[in-house]
Amino acid sequence: MWWPVVRVRLTKFALVVLGITGVGTLGYMVLEGWHFIDSLYMTVITLSTVGFGEVRPLSAVGRLFTSSPAASSWRESARWPTSSVPSATQS
């Protein structure tokens, strides 16, 4: 059956997304001293590449954190759970 394979991949994907979102939110809270909601919002608009701009002005450390590889890793991981779904359904 293909469903267990897909379910495992989707679970891993969800954990990766939640982990990156959590690290991003915590990062803004610690580095910029922002509240949870502002930090979460900034993380979501950064990871989703919506690009509304900064919630508040960023320090140099905040700009480096925003442009870190963590942001690009989320976009790459978006392809991961579906990359081999066709091969899982063919067996």
Protein backbone atom coordinates (compact mmCIF):
# COMPACT_ATOMS: atom_id res chain seq x y z
CA MET A 1 0.00 0.00 0.00
CA TRP A 2 1.17 3.50 -0.76
CA TRP A 3 -0.69 5.29 2.04
CA PRO A 4 1.74 4.43 4.89
CA VAL A 5 4.65 5.77 2.84
CA VAL A 6 2.83 9.00 2.07
CA ARG A 7 1.66 9.38 5.67
CA VAL A 8 5.22 9.02 6.98
CA ARG A 9 6.53 11.57 4.47
CA LEU A 10 3.78 14.06 5.28
CA THR A 11 4.37 13.62 9.00
CA LYS A 12 8.09 14.27 8.55
CA PHE A 13 7.33 17.30 6.40
CA ALA A 14 4.94 18.71 9.02
CA LEU A 15 7.55 18.22 11.75
CA VAL A 16 10.21 19.97 9.66
CA VAL A 17 7.91 22.92 8.93
CA LEU A 18 6.85 23.21 12.58
CA GLY A 19 10.47 22.96 13.71
CA ILE A 20 11.70 25.65 11.34
CA THR A 21 8.75 27.88 12.24
CA GLY A 22 9.48 27.38 15.93
CA VAL A 23 13.19 28.17 15.52
CA GLY A 24 12.35 31.26 13.47
CA THR A 25 9.81 32.50 15.99
CA LEU A 26 12.15 31.90 18.90
CA GLY A 27 14.99 33.53 17.00
CA TYR A 28 13.09 36.79 16.53
CA MET A 29 11.97 36.73 20.15
CA VAL A 30 15.54 36.32 21.41
CA LEU A 31 17.49 38.36 18.84
CA GLU A 32 15.04 41.23 18.38
CA GLY A 33 13.16 41.13 21.68
CA TRP A 34 9.79 40.89 19.92
CA HIS A 35 6.58 39.44 21.30
CA PHE A 36 5.43 35.98 20.21
CA ILE A 37 2.79 37.17 17.70
CA ASP A 38 5.15 39.58 15.92
CA SER A 39 7.86 36.91 15.82
CA LEU A 40 5.51 34.24 14.47
CA TYR A 41 4.07 36.62 11.86
CA MET A 42 7.54 37.65 10.67
CA THR A 43 8.57 33.99 10.45
CA VAL A 44 5.49 33.02 8.44
CA ILE A 45 5.78 35.88 5.95
CA THR A 46 9.50 35.16 5.55
CA LEU A 47 9.11 31.40 5.04
CA SER A 48 6.14 31.76 2.73
CA THR A 49 8.08 34.35 0.72
CA VAL A 50 5.08 36.69 0.80
CA GLY A 51 7.48 39.53 1.46
CA PHE A 52 5.24 42.11 3.14
CA GLY A 53 8.35 43.65 4.68
CA GLU A 54 9.54 43.73 8.24
CA VAL A 55 7.07 43.82 11.10
CA ARG A 56 9.45 46.25 12.83
CA PRO A 57 12.87 47.56 11.85
CA LEU A 58 15.51 44.81 12.08
CA SER A 59 18.96 45.05 13.58
CA ALA A 60 21.96 43.81 11.61
CA VAL A 61 21.74 40.48 13.48
CA GLY A 62 18.03 40.28 12.66
CA ARG A 63 18.70 40.85 8.97
CA LEU A 64 21.33 38.10 8.98
CA PHE A 65 18.93 35.77 10.77
CA THR A 66 16.18 36.53 8.25
CA SER A 67 18.43 35.77 5.32
CA SER A 68 19.86 32.63 6.88
CA PRO A 69 19.76 29.25 5.20
CA ALA A 70 16.81 28.31 7.43
CA ALA A 71 14.49 30.38 5.24
CA SER A 72 15.59 28.70 2.03
CA SER A 73 15.53 25.23 3.59
CA TRP A 74 11.77 25.50 4.13
CA ARG A 75 11.17 26.25 0.45
CA GLU A 76 13.32 23.26 -0.52
CA SER A 77 11.59 20.98 1.96
CA ALA A 78 8.23 21.86 0.38
CA ARG A 79 9.18 19.64 -2.58
CA TRP A 80 10.36 16.76 -0.44
CA PRO A 81 7.13 14.97 0.61
CA THR A 82 5.70 14.91 -2.89
CA SER A 83 8.91 14.20 -4.79
CA SER A 84 8.48 10.43 -4.72
CA VAL A 85 4.72 10.04 -4.26
CA PRO A 86 4.32 8.71 -7.83
CA SER A 87 6.97 6.05 -7.20
CA ALA A 88 5.25 5.05 -3.96
CA THR A 89 1.91 4.63 -5.73
CA GLN A 90 3.37 2.52 -8.54
CA SER A 91 4.43 -0.39 -6.34
